[in-house]
Amino acid sequence: MVEYNLADLFESVVDVVPDREALVYVDHPGTGAERRLTYAELDAAANRIAHHLADAGIRPGEHLGLHLYNGVEYLQTVLACLKARIVPVNVNYRYVEEELVYLYRDADLAGLVFDAEFTDRVAAALPQTEKLRHLVRVGTPPEGAAALDCVPYAEAEAAGSPERGFGPRSGDDLFIIYTGGTTGMPKGVLWRQEDLFFAGLFGGDPSGEPVKRPEELAERVAAGGAGITFFPAPPLMHGTSTLTAFIAFNYGQRVVLHRKYVPEEVLRTLEKEKVSSISLVGDAMLRPLVDALRGPQRNTDLSALFSLSSSGAIMSETVRAQLQELMPHVLLLNNFGSTESGSNGRATDDSGPAKGFRLHVNERTQVVDQVTLAPVAPGEIGRLAQRGHVPLGYYNDPAKTAETFFQRDGVRWALLGDMATVDETGVVTVLGRGSQCINTGGEKVYPEEVEQALKSHPDVYDALVAGVPDARWGNHVAAVVQLRQDAPPLDLESLQTHCRPRLAGYKVPRQLVLTDRIQRSPSGKADYRWARAVAVEADADGEERG
């Protein structure tokens, strides 16, 4: 019997299209270094790792970390965990020893699959993580790397049975997605797989009706055909990319992966593999893609590409216009959601600096009062909230769970971090993260709105906005800006002149800090702690203010 369980659903698809290509991994396009697996081959490969983990003593309900770059092994291991009822946990591969110790311990990892180049970091963290008892290493460690008692991935795969032979599963089986967000240490969002299927994977159909019973997913795949290729370009350790891959699997379609994001190579793969849909994260990934299309890859054939979406960070109106000029036939989408809610909606056609980031939200999304949690009236400011298929809470953190998740009239809700308003037609305007709101002279400024105005300047490549303590205003708005390569010098007065037609006067930056590179997470999310520290230091040094 098939349940609303991600492993059950995947196996049901495998059984109807076993010979269809499921996964293409391209290490370095043009070198011939690639792997291709059919649904049956990917299923058997995942079975092998699942049996190895079970034979190694990792029990159902225990947690296994994935400290990996993109690759076949990442999705293979996620599927293996789901098959064996082991809970997969994503690990940010940029973390250093202290952060890894925190995550390994907070997540109660019993096992870890990691890329060989992270051997020294794993070895440094291991003595402080007493529950972590089984290690599997992908690839060959660099010369001089620390000695670790671990099983090579190839050996683990060879030793495991390719057959299924697993016990019954449930829609209540768990899936944990750690989210670093924009501040603080990462939090593990605890999902039931049935809830994740409907909230994060659209119930099997992003563009139509969710399935009404689990068996219907495979029936739809059997009745359809192949021909759609999905390309999740960000790191798979970012929840959006892994969920994008599973959306493709639910369709019985093909997933293309790169180990790392290199825009020129991404464009070559879009052409070679005739990619239909690519997902990225905000301007940090999109601007280099624009530069490559205008430069070395200007003749790339993108005729097969149907849609390009940004999730996890906003695609600015400036970059959107540039992309539309370069690929006029492609549907450009600003998707809005979070690890705590799944999908909330998509940006309206008139969303942008003039009217703000406006969303057509789904029926499960509301703007609620922060205190009463009741829906706000049109025009009032509240917090976005999602009901129904939402997470159970944060793993190992009852206090934050109580702050974010609640019940109303017997329905579960997730209270999100974004402040917003709603108009009479139901369109929501997202103001920004409440935790990042800048109080300047009693007025509230949301960094995202100012960043949109900054990034519409032709010489600005990327920007973050933070509040800096100010004796007169309480805080002033500071812009940390990365200029385009070969752009002329930019001063605060010129930037303010650009912003004034686009922003109310109190939102216009009073400080400009130029930096060689804006610091973001591997998935493109803003690092506001870094931006604030840079701006505070520059203010102390007496750099440009107005």
Protein backbone atom coordinates (compact mmCIF):
# COMPACT_ATOMS: atom_id res chain seq x y z
CA MET A 1 0.00 0.00 0.00
CA VAL A 2 1.36 3.42 -0.99
CA GLU A 3 1.37 6.14 1.67
CA TYR A 4 1.96 9.89 1.41
CA ASN A 5 5.57 9.00 2.11
CA LEU A 6 8.31 10.33 -0.16
CA ALA A 7 10.00 6.92 -0.56
CA ASP A 8 6.70 5.17 -1.27
CA LEU A 9 5.79 7.80 -3.84
CA PHE A 10 9.21 7.64 -5.51
CA GLU A 11 9.08 3.84 -5.75
CA SER A 12 5.58 4.00 -7.23
CA VAL A 13 6.95 6.25 -10.00
CA VAL A 14 9.96 3.96 -10.56
CA ASP A 15 7.63 1.01 -11.07
CA VAL A 16 5.79 2.67 -13.97
CA VAL A 17 8.77 4.33 -15.75
CA PRO A 18 11.83 2.24 -14.74
CA ASP A 19 13.76 2.83 -17.97
CA ARG A 20 13.17 6.58 -18.15
CA GLU A 21 16.21 8.78 -17.44
CA ALA A 22 15.92 10.23 -13.93
CA LEU A 23 19.21 11.95 -13.14
CA VAL A 24 22.07 13.52 -15.08
CA TYR A 25 25.10 14.72 -13.14
CA VAL A 26 27.59 16.96 -14.93
CA ASP A 27 30.82 17.65 -13.05
CA HIS A 28 32.48 19.96 -15.56
CA PRO A 29 30.57 20.45 -18.84
CA GLY A 30 32.70 19.81 -21.89
CA THR A 31 35.04 17.37 -20.11
CA GLY A 32 32.80 14.33 -20.50
CA ALA A 33 32.66 13.83 -16.72
CA GLU A 34 29.03 12.93 -16.26
CA ARG A 35 26.73 10.19 -14.92
CA ARG A 36 23.29 9.20 -16.13
CA LEU A 37 20.86 7.03 -14.20
CA THR A 38 17.44 5.72 -15.10
CA TYR A 39 14.71 5.56 -12.48
CA ALA A 40 15.42 1.86 -11.95
CA GLU A 41 19.17 2.49 -11.60
CA LEU A 42 18.68 5.35 -9.14
CA ASP A 43 16.24 3.22 -7.14
CA ALA A 44 18.71 0.32 -6.93
CA ALA A 45 21.57 2.65 -6.01
CA ALA A 46 19.51 4.18 -3.19
CA ASN A 47 18.53 0.70 -1.99
CA ARG A 48 22.20 -0.23 -1.69
CA ILE A 49 23.01 2.74 0.56
CA ALA A 50 19.83 2.24 2.58
CA HIS A 51 20.78 -1.37 3.32
CA HIS A 52 24.33 -0.35 4.19
CA LEU A 53 23.08 2.24 6.69
CA ALA A 54 20.68 -0.25 8.26
CA ASP A 55 23.40 -2.93 8.42
CA ALA A 56 25.69 -0.36 10.09
CA GLY A 57 23.14 0.07 12.86
CA ILE A 58 21.47 3.35 11.90
CA ARG A 59 17.93 2.72 13.09
CA PRO A 60 14.59 4.07 11.79
CA GLY A 61 13.98 7.50 13.27
CA GLU A 62 17.68 8.27 13.78
CA HIS A 63 19.27 11.19 11.95
CA LEU A 64 21.89 11.16 9.20
CA GLY A 65 23.70 14.28 8.01
CA LEU A 66 24.50 15.05 4.36
CA HIS A 67 27.68 17.16 4.30
CA LEU A 68 28.01 17.13 0.54
CA TYR A 69 28.32 19.17 -2.60
CA ASN A 70 25.76 18.51 -5.33
CA GLY A 71 26.06 15.11 -6.92
CA VAL A 72 24.40 11.76 -7.48
CA GLU A 73 25.41 10.75 -3.97
CA TYR A 74 23.36 13.55 -2.42
CA LEU A 75 20.00 12.54 -3.87
CA GLN A 76 20.90 8.86 -3.67
CA THR A 77 21.53 9.23 0.07
CA VAL A 78 18.37 11.25 0.69
CA LEU A 79 16.36 8.52 -1.02
CA ALA A 80 18.25 5.85 0.93
CA CYS A 81 17.33 7.55 4.21
CA LEU A 82 13.69 7.81 3.24
CA LYS A 83 13.58 4.15 2.23
CA ALA A 84 15.07 3.00 5.55
CA ARG A 85 13.02 5.51 7.59
CA ILE A 86 16.20 7.33 8.62
CA VAL A 87 15.77 11.11 8.87
CA PRO A 88 17.96 13.05 6.40
CA VAL A 89 19.53 16.30 7.65
CA ASN A 90 21.15 18.85 5.34
CA VAL A 91 24.52 20.32 6.40
CA ASN A 92 25.83 23.65 5.12
CA TYR A 93 29.19 22.77 3.55
CA ARG A 94 30.58 26.23 4.26
CA TYR A 95 30.37 25.73 8.00
CA VAL A 96 33.61 25.67 9.96
CA GLU A 97 34.38 23.59 13.05
CA GLU A 98 32.36 25.53 15.65
CA GLU A 99 29.26 25.71 13.42
CA LEU A 100 29.54 22.04 12.47
CA VAL A 101 29.80 21.00 16.11
CA TYR A 102 26.65 22.98 16.85
CA LEU A 103 24.68 21.44 13.97
CA TYR A 104 25.93 17.86 14.45
CA ARG A 105 24.99 18.06 18.14
CA ASP A 106 21.73 19.99 17.74
CA ALA A 107 20.53 17.54 15.08
CA ASP A 108 21.57 14.48 17.14
CA LEU A 109 23.33 12.97 14.14
CA ALA A 110 23.95 9.23 14.37
CA GLY A 111 25.57 9.05 10.93
CA LEU A 112 27.19 11.34 8.39
CA VAL A 113 27.87 11.11 4.66
CA PHE A 114 30.47 13.70 3.65
CA ASP A 115 32.62 14.76 0.72
CA ALA A 116 36.31 13.89 1.04
CA GLU A 117 37.49 17.48 0.85
CA PHE A 118 35.68 18.16 4.15
CA THR A 119 37.65 15.43 5.95
CA ASP A 120 39.65 17.79 8.16
CA ARG A 121 36.57 19.75 9.23
CA VAL A 122 34.70 16.57 10.08
CA ALA A 123 37.70 15.22 11.99
CA ALA A 124 37.93 18.44 14.02
CA ALA A 125 34.25 18.39 14.94
CA LEU A 126 33.93 14.66 15.61
CA PRO A 127 35.41 14.51 19.15
CA GLN A 128 32.72 16.95 20.33
CA THR A 129 29.78 15.04 18.82
CA GLU A 130 29.41 11.93 20.96
CA LYS A 131 26.28 10.56 19.23
CA LEU A 132 27.86 10.55 15.75
CA ARG A 133 29.06 6.97 15.32
CA HIS A 134 29.04 6.07 11.61
CA LEU A 135 30.83 7.93 8.80
CA VAL A 136 30.69 7.39 5.03
CA ARG A 137 33.11 9.36 2.85
CA VAL A 138 32.52 10.23 -0.81
CA GLY A 139 35.69 10.40 -2.89
CA THR A 140 39.38 10.38 -2.03
CA PRO A 141 40.64 12.74 0.69
CA PRO A 142 43.37 15.24 -0.18
CA GLU A 143 46.94 14.35 0.63
CA GLY A 144 47.74 14.94 4.27
CA ALA A 145 44.09 14.92 5.39
CA ALA A 146 43.27 13.74 8.89
CA ALA A 147 42.85 10.01 9.46
CA LEU A 148 39.21 9.06 10.02
CA ASP A 149 37.50 5.75 10.71
CA CYS A 150 35.00 5.86 7.86
CA VAL A 151 33.59 3.71 5.07
CA PRO A 152 34.26 4.75 1.46
CA TYR A 153 30.95 5.45 -0.28
CA ALA A 154 31.79 3.10 -3.16
CA GLU A 155 32.35 0.25 -0.69
CA ALA A 156 29.12 1.01 1.15
CA GLU A 157 27.23 0.99 -2.13
CA ALA A 158 28.84 -2.25 -3.31
CA ALA A 159 28.06 -4.03 -0.04
CA GLY A 160 24.37 -3.12 0.08
CA SER A 161 21.62 -5.08 -1.64
CA PRO A 162 20.07 -3.46 -4.73
CA GLU A 163 16.66 -4.88 -3.79
CA ARG A 164 14.09 -3.04 -1.73
CA GLY A 165 13.01 -5.31 1.12
CA PHE A 166 12.12 -2.50 3.53
CA GLY A 167 9.30 -2.45 6.07
CA PRO A 168 6.15 -0.34 5.82
CA ARG A 169 6.46 3.42 5.98
CA SER A 170 4.13 6.24 6.91
CA GLY A 171 3.22 9.79 6.01
CA ASP A 172 4.20 10.55 9.61
CA ASP A 173 7.85 9.70 8.86
CA LEU A 174 10.02 12.77 9.35
CA PHE A 175 12.18 15.03 7.19
CA ILE A 176 14.38 17.73 8.73
CA ILE A 177 15.55 20.81 6.83
CA TYR A 178 18.07 23.01 8.64
CA THR A 179 17.72 26.66 7.75
CA GLY A 180 20.39 29.23 8.51
CA GLY A 181 18.14 32.11 7.62
CA THR A 182 19.66 35.58 7.88
CA THR A 183 20.58 35.67 11.57
CA GLY A 184 21.53 33.31 14.37
CA MET A 185 22.48 29.65 14.42
CA PRO A 186 20.65 27.23 12.12
CA LYS A 187 17.31 25.73 13.12
CA GLY A 188 16.04 22.29 12.12
CA VAL A 189 12.52 22.51 10.68
CA LEU A 190 10.70 19.28 11.48
CA TRP A 191 8.30 18.13 8.74
CA ARG A 192 5.96 15.19 8.48
CA GLN A 193 6.51 13.81 4.98
CA GLU A 194 2.82 14.03 4.12
CA ASP A 195 2.78 17.71 5.05
CA LEU A 196 5.97 18.34 3.07
CA PHE A 197 4.49 16.58 0.04
CA PHE A 198 1.52 18.94 -0.06
CA ALA A 199 3.17 22.18 1.15
CA GLY A 200 6.60 21.90 -0.46
CA LEU A 201 5.94 19.59 -3.42
CA PHE A 202 2.49 20.91 -4.38
CA GLY A 203 0.81 17.56 -3.78
CA GLY A 204 2.37 16.18 -6.92
CA ASP A 205 1.30 18.94 -9.32
CA PRO A 206 2.57 22.55 -9.08
CA SER A 207 0.31 23.78 -11.89
CA GLY A 208 -2.92 21.92 -11.25
CA GLU A 209 -4.83 19.79 -8.78
CA PRO A 210 -3.00 17.94 -5.99
CA VAL A 211 -3.47 14.19 -6.02
CA LYS A 212 -6.37 12.92 -3.92
CA ARG A 213 -4.79 9.57 -3.05
CA PRO A 214 -1.14 8.41 -3.09
CA GLU A 215 -1.60 5.90 -5.92
CA GLU A 216 -2.77 8.69 -8.22
CA LEU A 217 0.77 10.08 -8.51
CA ALA A 218 2.09 7.05 -10.43
CA GLU A 219 -1.11 6.85 -12.46
CA ARG A 220 -0.54 10.40 -13.71
CA VAL A 221 3.09 9.62 -14.53
CA ALA A 222 2.09 6.48 -16.45
CA ALA A 223 -0.49 8.43 -18.44
CA GLY A 224 1.99 11.20 -19.33
CA GLY A 225 5.29 11.23 -21.16
CA ALA A 226 8.90 12.25 -20.73
CA GLY A 227 10.47 15.41 -22.08
CA ILE A 228 10.74 17.84 -19.14
CA THR A 229 14.14 18.51 -17.59
CA PHE A 230 14.51 20.32 -14.26
CA PHE A 231 17.79 21.97 -13.25
CA PRO A 232 18.08 22.93 -9.56
CA ALA A 233 21.25 25.04 -9.81
CA PRO A 234 21.74 26.05 -6.14
CA PRO A 235 23.29 23.68 -3.60
CA LEU A 236 21.10 20.71 -2.71
CA MET A 237 21.80 21.45 0.94
CA HIS A 238 19.46 24.41 0.36
CA GLY A 239 15.98 22.95 0.84
CA THR A 240 14.57 24.53 -2.33
CA SER A 241 16.93 22.58 -4.60
CA THR A 242 16.25 19.20 -3.01
CA LEU A 243 12.51 19.84 -3.15
CA THR A 244 12.80 20.88 -6.81
CA ALA A 245 14.44 17.52 -7.55
CA PHE A 246 11.60 15.70 -5.82
CA ILE A 247 9.02 17.72 -7.75
CA ALA A 248 10.69 16.41 -10.92
CA PHE A 249 10.64 12.83 -9.58
CA ASN A 250 6.94 13.19 -8.76
CA TYR A 251 6.40 14.05 -12.42
CA GLY A 252 8.53 11.11 -13.58
CA GLN A 253 10.82 13.61 -15.30
CA ARG A 254 14.56 14.27 -15.44
CA VAL A 255 16.85 16.16 -13.05
CA VAL A 256 20.17 17.73 -14.08
CA LEU A 257 22.80 18.60 -11.47
CA HIS A 258 26.12 20.45 -11.36
CA ARG A 259 28.58 20.03 -8.52
CA LYS A 260 29.05 23.80 -8.16
CA TYR A 261 27.51 26.89 -9.69
CA VAL A 262 29.57 28.25 -12.59
CA PRO A 263 27.35 30.42 -14.84
CA GLU A 264 29.14 29.66 -18.13
CA GLU A 265 28.91 25.93 -17.46
CA VAL A 266 25.28 26.23 -16.44
CA LEU A 267 24.49 27.82 -19.79
CA ARG A 268 26.33 25.08 -21.68
CA THR A 269 24.26 22.48 -19.86
CA LEU A 270 21.01 24.35 -20.51
CA GLU A 271 21.80 24.05 -24.21
CA LYS A 272 23.22 20.51 -24.25
CA GLU A 273 20.57 18.87 -22.06
CA LYS A 274 17.68 20.97 -23.44
CA VAL A 275 16.66 22.03 -19.94
CA SER A 276 13.01 23.04 -19.55
CA SER A 277 13.06 24.68 -16.12
CA ILE A 278 15.91 26.07 -14.04
CA SER A 279 15.69 27.29 -10.44
CA LEU A 280 18.14 29.74 -8.87
CA VAL A 281 18.31 31.98 -5.79
CA GLY A 282 18.10 35.72 -6.31
CA ASP A 283 20.41 38.24 -7.94
CA ALA A 284 23.54 36.66 -6.44
CA MET A 285 23.13 33.80 -8.91
CA LEU A 286 21.25 35.64 -11.65
CA ARG A 287 23.55 38.62 -12.26
CA PRO A 288 26.55 36.40 -13.16
CA LEU A 289 24.23 34.49 -15.49
CA VAL A 290 23.26 37.74 -17.22
CA ASP A 291 26.95 38.68 -17.56
CA ALA A 292 27.76 35.30 -19.11
CA LEU A 293 24.86 35.60 -21.58
CA ARG A 294 26.07 39.04 -22.60
CA GLY A 295 29.67 37.86 -22.85
CA PRO A 296 31.27 34.47 -23.50
CA GLN A 297 27.97 32.56 -23.79
CA ARG A 298 26.01 35.09 -25.84
CA ASN A 299 25.17 32.53 -28.53
CA THR A 300 23.78 29.88 -26.17
CA ASP A 301 20.72 28.12 -27.57
CA LEU A 302 18.01 28.45 -24.91
CA SER A 303 15.10 27.48 -27.13
CA ALA A 304 14.17 24.52 -24.91
CA LEU A 305 14.02 26.62 -21.74
CA PHE A 306 10.45 27.35 -20.66
CA SER A 307 10.80 28.82 -17.16
CA LEU A 308 13.39 30.35 -14.85
CA SER A 309 12.45 30.77 -11.20
CA SER A 310 14.02 32.44 -8.19
CA SER A 311 13.21 31.10 -4.73
CA GLY A 312 14.69 31.99 -1.36
CA ALA A 313 15.74 35.49 -2.48
CA ILE A 314 14.05 38.07 -4.68
CA MET A 315 14.92 38.51 -8.34
CA SER A 316 15.18 42.29 -8.62
CA GLU A 317 13.23 44.15 -11.27
CA THR A 318 16.51 45.28 -12.87
CA VAL A 319 17.80 41.73 -13.30
CA ARG A 320 14.38 40.51 -14.38
CA ALA A 321 14.31 43.09 -17.19
CA GLN A 322 17.83 42.11 -18.29
CA LEU A 323 16.94 38.43 -18.36
CA GLN A 324 13.71 39.06 -20.25
CA GLU A 325 15.66 40.93 -22.91
CA LEU A 326 18.13 38.06 -23.24
CA MET A 327 15.52 35.28 -23.16
CA PRO A 328 12.20 36.83 -24.23
CA HIS A 329 10.43 33.49 -24.60
CA VAL A 330 11.16 32.34 -21.03
CA LEU A 331 8.67 32.67 -18.16
CA LEU A 332 10.45 34.43 -15.27
CA LEU A 333 9.05 33.63 -11.83
CA ASN A 334 9.66 35.07 -8.38
CA ASN A 335 8.49 32.26 -6.11
CA PHE A 336 7.92 33.04 -2.46
CA GLY A 337 8.11 30.55 0.39
CA SER A 338 10.17 29.41 3.31
CA THR A 339 11.52 26.32 4.99
CA GLU A 340 8.80 26.77 7.63
CA SER A 341 5.91 27.04 5.18
CA GLY A 342 6.73 25.49 1.84
CA SER A 343 5.29 27.55 -1.00
CA ASN A 344 3.26 30.70 -0.31
CA GLY A 345 2.81 32.13 -3.79
CA ARG A 346 4.32 33.99 -6.72
CA ALA A 347 5.03 37.63 -7.46
CA THR A 348 2.47 39.63 -9.43
CA ASP A 349 3.35 41.11 -12.82
CA ASP A 350 3.46 44.61 -11.32
CA SER A 351 5.70 43.62 -8.41
CA GLY A 352 8.79 45.85 -8.21
CA PRO A 353 10.33 48.98 -6.67
CA ALA A 354 7.32 51.16 -7.53
CA LYS A 355 4.66 49.05 -5.76
CA GLY A 356 6.74 46.70 -3.63
CA PHE A 357 7.07 42.92 -3.65
CA ARG A 358 3.47 41.86 -4.33
CA LEU A 359 2.24 38.27 -4.24
CA HIS A 360 -0.62 36.17 -5.42
CA VAL A 361 -0.75 33.88 -2.37
CA ASN A 362 -2.33 30.46 -2.05
CA GLU A 363 -5.47 29.87 -0.03
CA ARG A 364 -3.48 28.69 3.00
CA THR A 365 -1.61 32.00 3.45
CA GLN A 366 -2.89 34.96 5.49
CA VAL A 367 -1.56 38.16 7.03
CA VAL A 368 -2.28 38.09 10.76
CA ASP A 369 -1.93 40.41 13.74
CA GLN A 370 1.23 39.67 15.71
CA VAL A 371 -0.61 39.67 19.05
CA THR A 372 -4.12 38.37 18.40
CA LEU A 373 -3.13 36.18 15.41
CA ALA A 374 -6.39 37.20 13.76
CA PRO A 375 -6.42 38.27 10.07
CA VAL A 376 -5.58 41.96 9.63
CA ALA A 377 -7.77 44.42 7.77
CA PRO A 378 -6.68 45.56 4.29
CA GLY A 379 -3.76 47.98 4.54
CA GLU A 380 -2.77 47.04 8.09
CA ILE A 381 0.69 45.57 8.77
CA GLY A 382 0.89 42.03 10.10
CA ARG A 383 2.92 38.86 9.76
CA LEU A 384 2.57 36.27 7.06
CA ALA A 385 1.20 32.98 8.32
CA GLN A 386 0.50 29.62 6.70
CA ARG A 387 -2.06 27.05 7.82
CA GLY A 388 -2.75 23.37 7.29
CA HIS A 389 0.23 21.38 6.04
CA VAL A 390 2.92 23.10 8.12
CA PRO A 391 5.89 21.71 10.09
CA LEU A 392 5.61 20.21 13.56
CA GLY A 393 8.14 22.71 14.87
CA TYR A 394 11.87 23.21 15.30
CA TYR A 395 13.88 20.17 16.32
CA ASN A 396 15.32 20.43 19.82
CA ASP A 397 13.92 23.93 20.34
CA PRO A 398 10.55 24.07 22.16
CA ALA A 399 10.89 27.81 22.86
CA LYS A 400 11.26 28.82 19.19
CA THR A 401 8.59 26.28 18.26
CA ALA A 402 6.13 27.99 20.61
CA GLU A 403 7.00 31.38 19.07
CA THR A 404 6.47 30.24 15.48
CA PHE A 405 3.85 27.49 15.42
CA PHE A 406 0.36 27.66 16.90
CA GLN A 407 -3.14 26.23 16.59
CA ARG A 408 -6.34 28.15 15.88
CA ASP A 409 -9.74 26.47 15.74
CA GLY A 410 -8.04 23.09 15.57
CA VAL A 411 -5.87 24.05 12.58
CA ARG A 412 -2.07 24.16 12.70
CA TRP A 413 -0.38 27.42 11.69
CA ALA A 414 3.17 28.61 11.06
CA LEU A 415 3.88 32.27 11.84
CA LEU A 416 6.53 33.42 9.37
CA GLY A 417 9.20 36.09 9.80
CA ASP A 418 7.99 38.37 7.02
CA MET A 419 5.89 41.46 7.67
CA ALA A 420 3.24 42.24 5.06
CA THR A 421 0.00 43.96 4.17
CA VAL A 422 -2.96 42.68 2.17
CA ASP A 423 -5.26 44.69 -0.12
CA GLU A 424 -8.99 44.31 -0.82
CA THR A 425 -8.31 41.89 -3.69
CA GLY A 426 -6.23 39.54 -1.54
CA VAL A 427 -2.86 40.53 -3.04
CA VAL A 428 -0.15 40.57 -0.38
CA THR A 429 2.73 43.08 -0.30
CA VAL A 430 5.75 41.70 1.54
CA LEU A 431 7.61 44.38 3.49
CA GLY A 432 10.51 42.29 4.74
CA ARG A 433 11.80 40.32 7.70
CA GLY A 434 10.55 41.74 10.97
CA SER A 435 13.82 40.80 12.65
CA GLN A 436 15.74 43.04 10.23
CA CYS A 437 13.40 46.03 10.44
CA ILE A 438 15.31 49.30 11.04
CA ASN A 439 13.72 51.84 13.39
CA THR A 440 15.02 55.23 12.33
CA GLY A 441 13.50 58.29 13.97
CA GLY A 442 10.39 56.26 14.83
CA GLU A 443 9.84 55.14 11.24
CA LYS A 444 10.20 51.50 10.19
CA VAL A 445 12.39 50.58 7.24
CA TYR A 446 12.55 47.08 5.79
CA PRO A 447 15.96 46.37 4.19
CA GLU A 448 14.57 44.40 1.23
CA GLU A 449 12.65 47.41 -0.06
CA VAL A 450 15.73 49.63 0.02
CA GLU A 451 17.85 46.90 -1.56
CA GLN A 452 15.48 46.73 -4.51
CA ALA A 453 15.94 50.45 -5.11
CA LEU A 454 19.71 50.20 -4.77
CA LYS A 455 19.97 47.31 -7.22
CA SER A 456 18.05 49.27 -9.83
CA HIS A 457 21.11 51.59 -10.10
CA PRO A 458 23.00 50.63 -13.27
CA ASP A 459 26.38 50.51 -11.50
CA VAL A 460 25.27 48.46 -8.48
CA TYR A 461 25.96 44.73 -8.75
CA ASP A 462 24.66 43.69 -5.33
CA ALA A 463 23.63 45.37 -2.08
CA LEU A 464 22.55 44.72 1.49
CA VAL A 465 21.02 47.21 3.92
CA ALA A 466 21.45 47.33 7.70
CA GLY A 467 20.68 49.62 10.60
CA VAL A 468 23.58 51.34 12.35
CA PRO A 469 23.22 52.98 15.81
CA ASP A 470 22.77 56.73 15.49
CA ALA A 471 22.73 59.32 18.29
CA ARG A 472 20.08 61.41 16.54
CA TRP A 473 17.84 58.86 14.81
CA GLY A 474 18.29 55.78 16.98
CA ASN A 475 19.49 53.98 13.87
CA HIS A 476 20.30 55.17 10.38
CA VAL A 477 19.98 53.24 7.13
CA ALA A 478 23.33 52.01 5.79
CA ALA A 479 23.88 50.60 2.30
CA VAL A 480 26.65 48.05 1.78
CA VAL A 481 27.22 48.00 -1.97
CA GLN A 482 29.22 45.92 -4.43
CA LEU A 483 29.70 47.79 -7.69
CA ARG A 484 29.78 46.27 -11.13
CA GLN A 485 33.21 45.45 -12.49
CA ASP A 486 34.71 48.54 -14.18
CA ALA A 487 31.90 50.77 -12.87
CA PRO A 488 32.84 54.39 -12.20
CA PRO A 489 33.19 55.56 -8.57
CA LEU A 490 29.90 55.96 -6.71
CA ASP A 491 29.39 58.43 -3.86
CA LEU A 492 26.60 58.68 -1.30
CA GLU A 493 25.02 61.78 -2.82
CA SER A 494 24.67 60.14 -6.25
CA LEU A 495 23.16 57.04 -4.66
CA GLN A 496 20.70 59.13 -2.67
CA THR A 497 19.68 61.02 -5.81
CA HIS A 498 18.93 57.69 -7.47
CA CYS A 499 16.90 56.44 -4.50
CA ARG A 500 14.76 59.49 -3.71
CA PRO A 501 12.23 59.02 -6.55
CA ARG A 502 11.87 55.37 -5.48
CA LEU A 503 11.78 55.62 -1.67
CA ALA A 504 10.33 57.81 1.06
CA GLY A 505 12.94 60.18 2.45
CA TYR A 506 13.45 58.31 5.74
CA LYS A 507 14.26 55.11 3.79
CA VAL A 508 17.03 56.66 1.72
CA PRO A 509 20.47 55.45 2.92
CA ARG A 510 22.46 57.89 5.05
CA GLN A 511 25.64 55.83 4.83
CA LEU A 512 27.39 54.11 1.93
CA VAL A 513 29.97 51.38 2.34
CA LEU A 514 31.62 50.01 -0.80
CA THR A 515 32.87 46.43 -0.67
CA ASP A 516 34.59 44.12 -3.13
CA ARG A 517 32.04 41.37 -2.48
CA ILE A 518 28.68 41.06 -0.76
CA GLN A 519 28.71 38.10 1.61
CA ARG A 520 25.86 35.65 1.16
CA SER A 521 25.19 32.02 1.99
CA PRO A 522 25.87 29.35 -0.68
CA SER A 523 22.17 29.47 -1.49
CA GLY A 524 22.22 33.25 -2.06
CA LYS A 525 20.57 34.32 1.19
CA ALA A 526 21.60 37.63 2.70
CA ASP A 527 24.07 37.64 5.57
CA TYR A 528 22.73 40.59 7.55
CA ARG A 529 25.00 40.01 10.54
CA TRP A 530 27.98 40.54 8.24
CA ALA A 531 26.42 43.61 6.58
CA ARG A 532 25.68 45.26 9.90
CA ALA A 533 29.19 44.56 11.22
CA VAL A 534 30.76 46.05 8.08
CA ALA A 535 28.55 49.14 8.26
CA VAL A 536 29.14 49.68 12.01
CA GLU A 537 32.91 49.39 11.54
CA ALA A 538 32.87 51.82 8.62
CA ASP A 539 30.76 54.27 10.63
CA ALA A 540 33.26 54.13 13.48
CA ASP A 541 36.05 54.86 10.99
CA GLY A 542 34.19 57.95 9.78
CA GLU A 543 33.45 56.70 6.26
CA GLU A 544 30.94 58.51 4.07
CA ARG A 545 27.67 59.59 5.69
CA GLY A 546 25.06 62.15 4.86
